[in-house]
Amino acid sequence: LVIENGGLPALISLVSYPDRKIQENTVTALLNLSIDETSKVLIAKGGALPLIIEVLRNGSVEGQENSAATLFSLSMVDENKAAIGVLGGIAPLVALLRDGTIRGKKDAATALFNLIMNHPNKFRAIEAGIVATLLKILGDKKLDMIDEALSIFLLLASHAGCRSEVGTTSFVEILVQITKEGTPKNKECALSVLLELGLHNNSLMVHALGLGLQEYLSDIAKTGTSRAQRKANSLIQLSRKCS
């Protein structure tokens, strides 16, 4: 009803209003409206994307967090994924992932995960420093964002052009450590990334095996989640080829 009665242009015009509280409330209203699938397209076509990205860059803390959540919702539409990248939305999301509050980091991670399903956005994220940011998140156990970080790493590792950025021996060492000490879900995610990297780089697989990966794989193949067991068994087969 809000959309049908002309509420959208009025809301979009308020996103750039020079009052941060109004910006926060307007972006939140757009977030709620964007839950409707048709509205996702209409909001983008109405010119909201660059205005939301500007709040993401320069708005209040809450405005930035709400903007990230709104971009996540809008990025469910493929054409919006591409548009957000072209309009410069990736770099401020990486900045929020690096410097934001815990809520801001989580909102940014969710949005980035969706957005980097678009291949050009993978490169934009790498240029914005996402790899170093994600590594820092992996090292901060208080954040409890290991699964989110590894899920993004998996998307990056699955693209040939990005694999060299994440396929380093130091990163493999972190993955093996998570495989040894992480939660069942952490281990599942770490094995997924290791398998993606190992399938394309034998030397990384050999390095992981030298760190004791084989022992951890045997254990996870018996006691891990069903997905982790599948990944562990695939890695065991791959390790035999490497050796």
Protein backbone atom coordinates (compact mmCIF):
# COMPACT_ATOMS: atom_id res chain seq x y z
CA LEU A 1 0.00 0.00 0.00
CA VAL A 2 2.87 2.38 0.75
CA ILE A 3 4.31 1.73 -2.71
CA GLU A 4 0.95 1.91 -4.48
CA ASN A 5 0.13 5.25 -2.86
CA GLY A 6 3.32 7.00 -3.96
CA GLY A 7 5.32 6.61 -0.77
CA LEU A 8 8.52 5.46 -2.47
CA PRO A 9 9.59 8.69 -4.26
CA ALA A 10 8.91 10.66 -1.08
CA LEU A 11 11.07 8.30 0.97
CA ILE A 12 13.90 8.22 -1.56
CA SER A 13 13.99 12.04 -1.57
CA LEU A 14 14.57 11.98 2.19
CA VAL A 15 17.63 9.71 2.10
CA SER A 16 19.86 12.68 1.28
CA TYR A 17 18.17 14.99 3.82
CA PRO A 18 20.88 16.76 5.92
CA ASP A 19 19.75 15.25 9.20
CA ARG A 20 21.32 11.96 10.20
CA LYS A 21 18.35 10.76 12.24
CA ILE A 22 16.02 11.29 9.30
CA GLN A 23 18.51 9.44 7.10
CA GLU A 24 18.54 6.52 9.55
CA ASN A 25 14.76 6.30 9.69
CA THR A 26 14.37 6.65 5.92
CA VAL A 27 16.91 3.96 5.13
CA THR A 28 15.20 1.69 7.68
CA ALA A 29 11.83 2.32 6.01
CA LEU A 30 13.37 1.38 2.64
CA LEU A 31 14.85 -1.74 4.24
CA ASN A 32 11.41 -2.82 5.45
CA LEU A 33 9.81 -2.05 2.07
CA SER A 34 12.54 -3.98 0.25
CA ILE A 35 11.40 -7.22 1.87
CA ASP A 36 8.75 -7.23 -0.88
CA GLU A 37 10.36 -8.67 -4.03
CA THR A 38 8.80 -6.16 -6.43
CA SER A 39 9.92 -3.29 -4.24
CA LYS A 40 13.57 -4.35 -4.53
CA VAL A 41 13.47 -3.44 -8.22
CA LEU A 42 11.39 -0.29 -7.76
CA ILE A 43 13.68 1.08 -5.02
CA ALA A 44 16.71 0.66 -7.25
CA LYS A 45 14.98 2.11 -10.32
CA GLY A 46 13.82 5.03 -8.21
CA GLY A 47 17.43 6.15 -7.75
CA ALA A 48 17.89 5.06 -4.14
CA LEU A 49 21.09 3.06 -4.52
CA PRO A 50 23.64 5.93 -4.77
CA LEU A 51 21.89 7.73 -1.90
CA ILE A 52 21.99 4.63 0.34
CA ILE A 53 25.66 4.12 -0.52
CA GLU A 54 26.38 7.73 0.45
CA VAL A 55 24.78 7.13 3.88
CA LEU A 56 26.91 3.99 4.12
CA ARG A 57 30.00 6.14 3.55
CA ASN A 58 29.20 9.18 5.65
CA GLY A 59 26.11 8.56 7.77
CA SER A 60 25.82 7.93 11.48
CA VAL A 61 26.85 4.56 12.91
CA GLU A 62 23.26 3.32 12.87
CA GLY A 63 22.71 4.82 9.42
CA GLN A 64 25.72 2.92 8.08
CA GLU A 65 24.54 -0.33 9.64
CA ASN A 66 21.00 0.09 8.27
CA SER A 67 22.39 0.99 4.85
CA ALA A 68 24.45 -2.22 4.79
CA ALA A 69 21.37 -4.24 5.72
CA THR A 70 19.33 -2.48 3.02
CA LEU A 71 21.98 -3.16 0.37
CA PHE A 72 21.94 -6.83 1.40
CA SER A 73 18.18 -6.97 0.90
CA LEU A 74 18.32 -5.15 -2.43
CA SER A 75 21.20 -7.33 -3.65
CA MET A 76 18.90 -10.34 -3.76
CA VAL A 77 18.14 -9.09 -7.28
CA ASP A 78 21.01 -9.86 -9.68
CA GLU A 79 20.82 -6.57 -11.53
CA ASN A 80 21.06 -4.76 -8.20
CA LYS A 81 24.20 -6.74 -7.32
CA ALA A 82 25.86 -5.35 -10.43
CA ALA A 83 24.54 -1.82 -9.92
CA ILE A 84 25.70 -1.60 -6.30
CA GLY A 85 29.19 -2.59 -7.43
CA VAL A 86 29.29 -0.10 -10.30
CA LEU A 87 28.03 2.68 -8.01
CA GLY A 88 30.87 2.14 -5.54
CA GLY A 89 29.09 0.22 -2.80
CA ILE A 90 31.74 -2.45 -2.24
CA ALA A 91 34.56 -0.34 -0.76
CA PRO A 92 32.43 1.28 2.01
CA LEU A 93 31.05 -2.16 2.92
CA VAL A 94 34.61 -3.47 3.28
CA ALA A 95 35.40 -0.40 5.41
CA LEU A 96 32.39 -1.16 7.64
CA LEU A 97 33.49 -4.79 7.88
CA ARG A 98 36.93 -3.58 9.00
CA ASP A 99 36.02 -0.68 11.31
CA GLY A 100 32.35 -1.05 12.25
CA THR A 101 30.65 -2.20 15.42
CA ILE A 102 29.94 -5.92 15.80
CA ARG A 103 26.49 -5.37 14.30
CA GLY A 104 28.02 -3.29 11.50
CA LYS A 105 30.57 -5.98 10.72
CA LYS A 106 27.88 -8.65 10.57
CA ASP A 107 25.62 -6.52 8.34
CA ALA A 108 28.56 -5.75 6.05
CA ALA A 109 29.63 -9.40 5.87
CA THR A 110 26.12 -10.51 4.92
CA ALA A 111 25.85 -7.85 2.22
CA LEU A 112 29.32 -8.59 0.84
CA PHE A 113 28.63 -12.32 0.69
CA ASN A 114 25.64 -11.64 -1.54
CA LEU A 115 27.33 -8.98 -3.64
CA ILE A 116 30.47 -10.91 -4.48
CA MET A 117 28.42 -13.59 -6.18
CA ASN A 118 28.77 -11.05 -8.98
CA HIS A 119 32.25 -11.65 -10.45
CA PRO A 120 33.31 -8.01 -10.97
CA ASN A 121 32.42 -7.34 -7.34
CA LYS A 122 34.93 -9.99 -6.25
CA PHE A 123 37.74 -7.92 -7.75
CA ARG A 124 36.31 -4.70 -6.32
CA ALA A 125 36.28 -6.29 -2.86
CA ILE A 126 39.88 -7.47 -3.22
CA GLU A 127 40.97 -4.00 -4.34
CA ALA A 128 39.22 -2.56 -1.27
CA GLY A 129 41.29 -4.81 1.04
CA ILE A 130 38.76 -7.48 1.94
CA VAL A 131 41.38 -10.25 2.25
CA ALA A 132 43.34 -8.52 5.03
CA THR A 133 40.06 -7.56 6.74
CA LEU A 134 38.77 -11.13 6.70
CA LEU A 135 42.08 -12.47 8.03
CA LYS A 136 41.82 -10.04 10.93
CA ILE A 137 38.28 -11.26 11.63
CA LEU A 138 39.49 -14.87 11.66
CA GLY A 139 42.02 -13.90 14.31
CA ASP A 140 39.42 -12.26 16.58
CA LYS A 141 37.49 -15.07 18.27
CA LYS A 142 35.42 -12.57 20.28
CA LEU A 143 33.64 -11.50 17.08
CA ASP A 144 32.34 -15.04 16.48
CA MET A 145 32.39 -14.43 12.71
CA ILE A 146 34.66 -17.24 11.53
CA ASP A 147 31.92 -18.92 9.49
CA GLU A 148 30.95 -15.64 7.81
CA ALA A 149 34.56 -14.87 6.93
CA LEU A 150 35.23 -18.36 5.57
CA SER A 151 32.02 -18.29 3.50
CA ILE A 152 33.27 -15.14 1.77
CA PHE A 153 36.72 -16.68 1.33
CA LEU A 154 35.09 -19.70 -0.34
CA LEU A 155 33.37 -17.46 -2.89
CA LEU A 156 36.67 -15.72 -3.62
CA ALA A 157 38.61 -18.99 -3.85
CA SER A 158 36.09 -20.44 -6.30
CA HIS A 159 36.99 -17.80 -8.90
CA ALA A 160 40.23 -18.41 -10.78
CA GLY A 161 41.08 -14.72 -10.99
CA CYS A 162 40.88 -14.31 -7.22
CA ARG A 163 42.46 -17.58 -6.14
CA SER A 164 46.00 -16.24 -6.00
CA GLU A 165 44.87 -13.50 -3.60
CA VAL A 166 43.64 -15.99 -1.00
CA GLY A 167 45.75 -19.06 -1.85
CA THR A 168 48.75 -18.34 0.37
CA THR A 169 50.61 -20.66 2.70
CA SER A 170 49.88 -18.40 5.68
CA PHE A 171 46.15 -18.61 4.99
CA VAL A 172 46.36 -22.38 4.63
CA GLU A 173 48.02 -22.49 8.06
CA ILE A 174 45.05 -20.60 9.52
CA LEU A 175 42.62 -23.00 7.83
CA VAL A 176 44.43 -26.05 9.21
CA GLN A 177 44.37 -24.50 12.70
CA ILE A 178 40.61 -23.96 12.43
CA THR A 179 40.23 -27.54 11.21
CA LYS A 180 41.99 -28.64 14.37
CA GLU A 181 40.39 -26.35 16.97
CA GLY A 182 37.20 -24.82 15.52
CA THR A 183 33.55 -25.62 16.11
CA PRO A 184 31.95 -28.30 13.92
CA LYS A 185 30.59 -25.57 11.63
CA ASN A 186 33.98 -23.77 11.58
CA LYS A 187 35.66 -27.01 10.53
CA GLU A 188 33.09 -27.58 7.80
CA CYS A 189 33.70 -24.12 6.34
CA ALA A 190 37.49 -24.38 6.63
CA LEU A 191 37.52 -27.75 4.84
CA SER A 192 35.37 -26.31 2.04
CA VAL A 193 37.93 -23.56 1.43
CA LEU A 194 40.87 -25.97 1.71
CA LEU A 195 39.31 -28.29 -0.84
CA GLU A 196 38.68 -25.43 -3.28
CA LEU A 197 42.27 -24.24 -2.96
CA GLY A 198 43.79 -27.73 -2.95
CA LEU A 199 42.01 -28.79 -6.13
CA HIS A 200 43.81 -26.03 -8.00
CA ASN A 201 47.15 -25.89 -6.21
CA ASN A 202 48.95 -29.09 -5.21
CA SER A 203 51.70 -27.22 -3.35
CA LEU A 204 49.13 -25.71 -0.97
CA MET A 205 47.72 -29.16 -0.31
CA VAL A 206 51.20 -30.54 0.36
CA HIS A 207 51.83 -27.64 2.77
CA ALA A 208 48.57 -28.38 4.61
CA LEU A 209 49.48 -32.06 4.91
CA GLY A 210 52.84 -31.07 6.35
CA LEU A 211 50.95 -29.23 9.10
CA GLY A 212 49.16 -32.40 10.20
CA LEU A 213 45.95 -32.01 8.18
CA GLN A 214 45.71 -35.74 7.46
CA GLU A 215 45.16 -36.57 11.13
CA TYR A 216 42.39 -33.98 11.47
CA LEU A 217 40.73 -35.19 8.27
CA SER A 218 40.52 -38.75 9.56
CA ASP A 219 38.80 -37.56 12.72
CA ILE A 220 36.36 -35.25 10.93
CA ALA A 221 35.49 -37.96 8.39
CA LYS A 222 34.14 -39.97 11.34
CA THR A 223 32.70 -37.33 13.68
CA GLY A 224 32.09 -34.13 11.69
CA THR A 225 28.87 -32.74 10.27
CA SER A 226 27.59 -34.56 7.17
CA ARG A 227 28.96 -31.82 4.89
CA ALA A 228 32.28 -31.77 6.75
CA GLN A 229 32.55 -35.54 6.38
CA ARG A 230 32.05 -35.25 2.61
CA LYS A 231 34.68 -32.51 2.34
CA ALA A 232 37.10 -34.46 4.55
CA ASN A 233 36.74 -37.58 2.41
CA SER A 234 37.31 -35.54 -0.76
CA LEU A 235 40.41 -34.02 0.80
CA ILE A 236 41.68 -37.46 1.85
CA GLN A 237 41.38 -38.63 -1.77
CA LEU A 238 43.11 -35.46 -2.96
CA SER A 239 45.90 -35.91 -0.44
CA ARG A 240 46.61 -39.41 -1.79
CA LYS A 241 47.08 -37.95 -5.26
CA CYS A 242 49.39 -35.29 -3.89
CA SER A 243 51.52 -37.77 -1.98
